[in-house]
Amino acid sequence: MKSRVLLLALSVCAPLAFAACGGNGDANGTAPAASPLPAIAAPAGKDWTQVVSKTAEGYVMGNPNAPIKLVEYGSRLCPACGAFAREGFEPLTNNYVKSGKVSWEFREFLIHGAPDLPPALLGICVGEQTFFPILEQMYQAQTGFNDKLQAMSPDQQKALQNAKPVDVIKALAEQMDLINFVKQRGLPEAKARECLGNMLEIDRLTKQTQDRGADGTVTGTPTFILNGKPLKGAITWPDVQAALKNAGA
């Protein structure tokens, strides 16, 4: 665990340029379109966007038995991921997840290293029912987080190189004002600080990032997988929407 976290802690400075975000290969060719599938009713008193559960690698919204399963590997600081969310969150959830035909799972991928850990940890800390609303709100506020991160002085960055991993994470959270962000949305400060120091979750996210990078699942963010197959080159909402329609959504 120590080596994985330390690797991320030592990668504070270079990722501030956010150069590795966006793009994961050439665009897909046009696949034959499937016939539209019928909508599937949600449990009584709910709609499918209110059905959220934890998975081994993330959180999934929607019908757990949906015939069309969309998985996104994303970073909460990645501008391309933010652009997708700002354009696609509402139509994806309202037009597709609500139908019961599509489920959407979000999995964290720390493409920028240590800077990605604070928003990921706090976004997970809020729990299942507010995971996706907070994810959307973080993407809406993303430019501000990144601007604050870019404003770090060389001396501040140098100081973090010699700090303990947990101290790096907490310092980056303070720099981006993330603790106040989640406090304003109902997460107590004490709980937020506890989650920022959760070494088991830090190690899990770090290992997940390293494993998915090493096995070629993720080469850039966002990366989308539809029914087990990567949507190569799909990083925008129109890209993903076209794939969903072709799958019968």
Protein backbone atom coordinates (compact mmCIF):
# COMPACT_ATOMS: atom_id res chain seq x y z
CA MET A 1 0.00 0.00 0.00
CA LYS A 2 2.69 2.47 0.94
CA SER A 3 4.48 2.24 -2.42
CA ARG A 4 1.33 2.82 -4.45
CA VAL A 5 0.24 5.84 -2.43
CA LEU A 6 3.76 7.25 -2.37
CA LEU A 7 3.90 7.02 -6.15
CA LEU A 8 0.83 9.21 -6.38
CA ALA A 9 2.06 11.58 -3.71
CA LEU A 10 5.26 12.15 -5.64
CA SER A 11 3.31 12.95 -8.81
CA VAL A 12 1.86 16.22 -7.53
CA CYS A 13 3.59 18.73 -9.77
CA ALA A 14 3.46 17.36 -13.31
CA PRO A 15 -0.26 16.53 -13.33
CA LEU A 16 -1.20 20.15 -12.65
CA ALA A 17 -0.98 20.73 -16.40
CA PHE A 18 -3.85 18.26 -16.94
CA ALA A 19 -2.24 17.03 -20.14
CA ALA A 20 -3.26 13.38 -19.92
CA CYS A 21 -6.99 13.93 -19.89
CA GLY A 22 -9.20 13.16 -22.87
CA GLY A 23 -8.92 10.82 -25.80
CA ASN A 24 -8.69 7.05 -25.85
CA GLY A 25 -8.04 6.01 -29.43
CA ASP A 26 -9.66 6.38 -32.81
CA ALA A 27 -13.39 6.82 -33.14
CA ASN A 28 -15.55 3.75 -33.59
CA GLY A 29 -16.98 2.86 -36.93
CA THR A 30 -20.76 2.81 -37.24
CA ALA A 31 -22.16 -0.48 -35.97
CA PRO A 32 -25.49 -1.89 -37.13
CA ALA A 33 -28.26 -0.41 -34.99
CA ALA A 34 -30.26 -2.72 -32.75
CA SER A 35 -34.04 -2.51 -32.59
CA PRO A 36 -35.27 -0.20 -29.81
CA LEU A 37 -35.84 -2.05 -26.56
CA PRO A 38 -39.00 -1.58 -24.48
CA ALA A 39 -38.88 0.52 -21.32
CA ILE A 40 -38.69 -1.36 -18.01
CA ALA A 41 -40.80 -0.20 -15.07
CA ALA A 42 -39.03 0.94 -11.90
CA PRO A 43 -39.98 -0.30 -8.42
CA ALA A 44 -43.16 1.23 -7.05
CA GLY A 45 -42.70 4.77 -5.81
CA LYS A 46 -39.30 5.26 -7.47
CA ASP A 47 -37.71 6.00 -10.76
CA TRP A 48 -34.55 4.25 -11.88
CA THR A 49 -32.33 7.30 -11.28
CA GLN A 50 -33.05 6.87 -7.55
CA VAL A 51 -31.73 3.31 -7.57
CA VAL A 52 -28.01 3.48 -6.79
CA SER A 53 -25.73 0.74 -5.54
CA LYS A 54 -22.06 0.27 -4.81
CA THR A 55 -20.02 -2.04 -7.03
CA ALA A 56 -16.51 -3.46 -6.75
CA GLU A 57 -15.05 -0.46 -8.61
CA GLY A 58 -17.61 2.33 -8.35
CA TYR A 59 -21.30 3.18 -8.12
CA VAL A 60 -24.08 2.29 -10.55
CA MET A 61 -27.29 4.21 -11.17
CA GLY A 62 -30.35 2.57 -12.62
CA ASN A 63 -31.83 -0.84 -13.22
CA PRO A 64 -29.25 -3.39 -12.01
CA ASN A 65 -30.58 -5.78 -14.66
CA ALA A 66 -30.62 -3.22 -17.48
CA PRO A 67 -29.86 -4.81 -20.85
CA ILE A 68 -27.57 -1.90 -21.74
CA LYS A 69 -24.77 -1.28 -19.25
CA LEU A 70 -22.63 1.84 -19.60
CA VAL A 71 -19.44 2.10 -17.54
CA GLU A 72 -17.44 5.31 -17.35
CA TYR A 73 -13.89 5.61 -16.02
CA GLY A 74 -13.41 9.26 -15.18
CA SER A 75 -11.50 11.83 -13.19
CA ARG A 76 -13.37 14.59 -11.37
CA LEU A 77 -10.70 17.10 -12.42
CA CYS A 78 -10.48 16.00 -16.07
CA PRO A 79 -11.79 18.79 -18.35
CA ALA A 80 -13.02 16.32 -20.98
CA CYS A 81 -14.90 14.39 -18.29
CA GLY A 82 -16.37 17.66 -17.05
CA ALA A 83 -17.47 18.64 -20.54
CA PHE A 84 -19.18 15.26 -20.94
CA ALA A 85 -20.96 15.61 -17.60
CA ARG A 86 -22.13 19.16 -18.18
CA GLU A 87 -23.65 18.24 -21.53
CA GLY A 88 -24.63 14.65 -20.90
CA PHE A 89 -25.63 14.15 -17.27
CA GLU A 90 -29.22 15.33 -17.65
CA PRO A 91 -30.08 13.57 -20.94
CA LEU A 92 -28.25 10.39 -19.92
CA THR A 93 -30.14 10.10 -16.66
CA ASN A 94 -33.54 11.44 -17.76
CA ASN A 95 -33.79 9.93 -21.23
CA TYR A 96 -31.91 6.67 -20.82
CA VAL A 97 -31.38 5.58 -17.21
CA LYS A 98 -34.98 6.45 -16.28
CA SER A 99 -36.22 4.13 -19.01
CA GLY A 100 -34.81 1.11 -17.20
CA LYS A 101 -33.00 0.09 -20.37
CA VAL A 102 -29.65 1.65 -19.40
CA SER A 103 -27.57 1.57 -16.23
CA TRP A 104 -24.62 3.92 -15.74
CA GLU A 105 -21.66 3.06 -13.55
CA PHE A 106 -19.00 5.62 -12.67
CA ARG A 107 -15.53 4.40 -11.68
CA GLU A 108 -12.77 6.69 -10.47
CA PHE A 109 -9.54 6.82 -12.46
CA LEU A 110 -6.80 9.02 -10.98
CA ILE A 111 -5.30 10.15 -14.26
CA HIS A 112 -3.65 13.20 -12.68
CA GLY A 113 -2.25 11.29 -9.72
CA ALA A 114 -2.50 12.81 -6.26
CA PRO A 115 -4.66 15.84 -7.21
CA ASP A 116 -7.50 13.49 -8.20
CA LEU A 117 -7.64 11.81 -4.80
CA PRO A 118 -9.33 14.56 -2.71
CA PRO A 119 -12.42 14.99 -4.93
CA ALA A 120 -12.67 11.22 -5.44
CA LEU A 121 -12.45 10.46 -1.72
CA LEU A 122 -14.99 13.13 -0.79
CA GLY A 123 -17.28 12.16 -3.65
CA ILE A 124 -17.34 8.60 -2.35
CA CYS A 125 -17.65 9.75 1.26
CA VAL A 126 -21.12 11.23 0.72
CA GLY A 127 -22.62 7.76 0.22
CA GLU A 128 -24.77 6.00 -2.33
CA GLN A 129 -27.83 8.23 -2.51
CA THR A 130 -25.91 11.46 -3.07
CA PHE A 131 -22.99 10.01 -5.02
CA PHE A 132 -24.28 11.03 -8.45
CA PRO A 133 -25.71 14.45 -7.48
CA ILE A 134 -22.36 15.37 -5.89
CA LEU A 135 -20.52 14.00 -8.92
CA GLU A 136 -22.55 16.29 -11.18
CA GLN A 137 -22.07 19.28 -8.87
CA MET A 138 -18.32 18.69 -8.73
CA TYR A 139 -18.21 18.74 -12.52
CA GLN A 140 -20.23 21.96 -12.57
CA ALA A 141 -17.67 23.49 -10.18
CA GLN A 142 -14.67 21.83 -11.81
CA THR A 143 -13.14 24.94 -13.40
CA GLY A 144 -12.89 26.58 -9.99
CA PHE A 145 -11.17 23.54 -8.48
CA ASN A 146 -8.66 23.42 -11.31
CA ASP A 147 -8.00 27.16 -11.17
CA LYS A 148 -7.23 26.91 -7.45
CA LEU A 149 -4.95 23.96 -8.08
CA GLN A 150 -3.10 25.76 -10.86
CA ALA A 151 -2.60 28.71 -8.51
CA MET A 152 -0.28 26.69 -6.27
CA SER A 153 3.15 28.28 -6.12
CA PRO A 154 6.33 26.33 -6.91
CA ASP A 155 7.21 26.51 -3.21
CA GLN A 156 3.86 24.98 -2.24
CA GLN A 157 4.32 22.18 -4.73
CA LYS A 158 7.87 21.55 -3.56
CA ALA A 159 6.71 21.33 0.06
CA LEU A 160 4.21 18.64 -0.86
CA GLN A 161 6.95 16.51 -2.41
CA ASN A 162 8.34 15.92 1.08
CA ALA A 163 5.01 15.50 2.89
CA LYS A 164 3.31 12.29 3.96
CA PRO A 165 0.74 11.01 1.44
CA VAL A 166 -2.26 11.75 3.65
CA ASP A 167 -0.94 15.24 4.33
CA VAL A 168 -0.59 15.78 0.58
CA ILE A 169 -4.20 14.76 0.04
CA LYS A 170 -5.50 17.02 2.80
CA ALA A 171 -3.40 19.96 1.59
CA LEU A 172 -4.72 19.56 -1.95
CA ALA A 173 -8.28 19.37 -0.62
CA GLU A 174 -7.73 22.62 1.27
CA GLN A 175 -6.17 24.25 -1.79
CA MET A 176 -9.25 23.41 -3.88
CA ASP A 177 -11.64 24.35 -1.02
CA LEU A 178 -13.22 20.93 -1.32
CA ILE A 179 -13.98 20.53 2.37
CA ASN A 180 -16.18 23.62 2.33
CA PHE A 181 -17.74 22.40 -0.91
CA VAL A 182 -18.98 19.15 0.65
CA LYS A 183 -19.85 20.83 3.97
CA GLN A 184 -22.25 23.10 2.09
CA ARG A 185 -23.89 19.96 0.70
CA GLY A 186 -24.44 18.24 4.02
CA LEU A 187 -21.25 16.31 4.76
CA PRO A 188 -19.89 17.18 8.23
CA GLU A 189 -16.34 18.53 8.24
CA ALA A 190 -15.15 15.87 10.68
CA LYS A 191 -16.45 13.14 8.38
CA ALA A 192 -14.86 14.80 5.34
CA ARG A 193 -11.46 14.93 7.03
CA GLU A 194 -11.81 11.32 8.14
CA CYS A 195 -12.53 10.23 4.56
CA LEU A 196 -9.53 12.17 3.24
CA GLY A 197 -7.36 10.03 5.50
CA ASN A 198 -9.00 6.69 4.67
CA MET A 199 -5.93 4.67 3.69
CA LEU A 200 -7.94 1.63 2.61
CA GLU A 201 -9.91 3.71 0.12
CA ILE A 202 -6.79 5.58 -1.00
CA ASP A 203 -5.06 2.28 -1.68
CA ARG A 204 -8.10 0.85 -3.48
CA LEU A 205 -8.38 3.85 -5.82
CA THR A 206 -4.66 3.89 -6.47
CA LYS A 207 -4.58 0.16 -7.25
CA GLN A 208 -7.66 0.46 -9.45
CA THR A 209 -5.97 3.20 -11.46
CA GLN A 210 -2.73 1.28 -11.81
CA ASP A 211 -4.48 -1.99 -12.73
CA ARG A 212 -6.80 -0.46 -15.34
CA GLY A 213 -3.93 1.46 -16.87
CA ALA A 214 -1.68 -1.60 -16.94
CA ASP A 215 -4.25 -3.90 -18.52
CA GLY A 216 -5.15 -1.35 -21.20
CA THR A 217 -8.74 -0.83 -20.06
CA VAL A 218 -8.15 2.91 -19.65
CA THR A 219 -5.80 4.94 -21.85
CA GLY A 220 -7.41 8.33 -21.25
CA THR A 221 -10.38 9.86 -19.50
CA PRO A 222 -13.22 9.60 -19.95
CA THR A 223 -13.20 5.98 -21.08
CA PHE A 224 -16.59 4.40 -21.78
CA ILE A 225 -17.42 0.71 -21.92
CA LEU A 226 -20.78 -0.44 -23.26
CA ASN A 227 -21.88 -3.99 -22.48
CA GLY A 228 -18.27 -4.97 -21.92
CA LYS A 229 -16.87 -3.39 -25.09
CA PRO A 230 -14.84 -0.15 -25.12
CA LEU A 231 -16.27 2.80 -27.04
CA LYS A 232 -12.99 3.80 -28.64
CA GLY A 233 -12.73 7.50 -29.32
CA ALA A 234 -15.99 8.29 -27.52
CA ILE A 235 -15.40 11.19 -25.14
CA THR A 236 -18.39 13.47 -25.81
CA TRP A 237 -22.07 13.08 -25.05
CA PRO A 238 -23.04 12.86 -28.77
CA ASP A 239 -20.51 10.00 -29.14
CA VAL A 240 -22.00 8.08 -26.23
CA GLN A 241 -25.60 8.86 -27.13
CA ALA A 242 -25.07 7.47 -30.64
CA ALA A 243 -23.68 4.25 -29.15
CA LEU A 244 -26.62 3.94 -26.75
CA LYS A 245 -29.10 4.37 -29.58
CA ASN A 246 -27.28 1.80 -31.69
CA ALA A 247 -27.55 -0.62 -28.76
CA GLY A 248 -31.33 -0.20 -28.64
CA ALA A 249 -31.72 2.42 -25.91
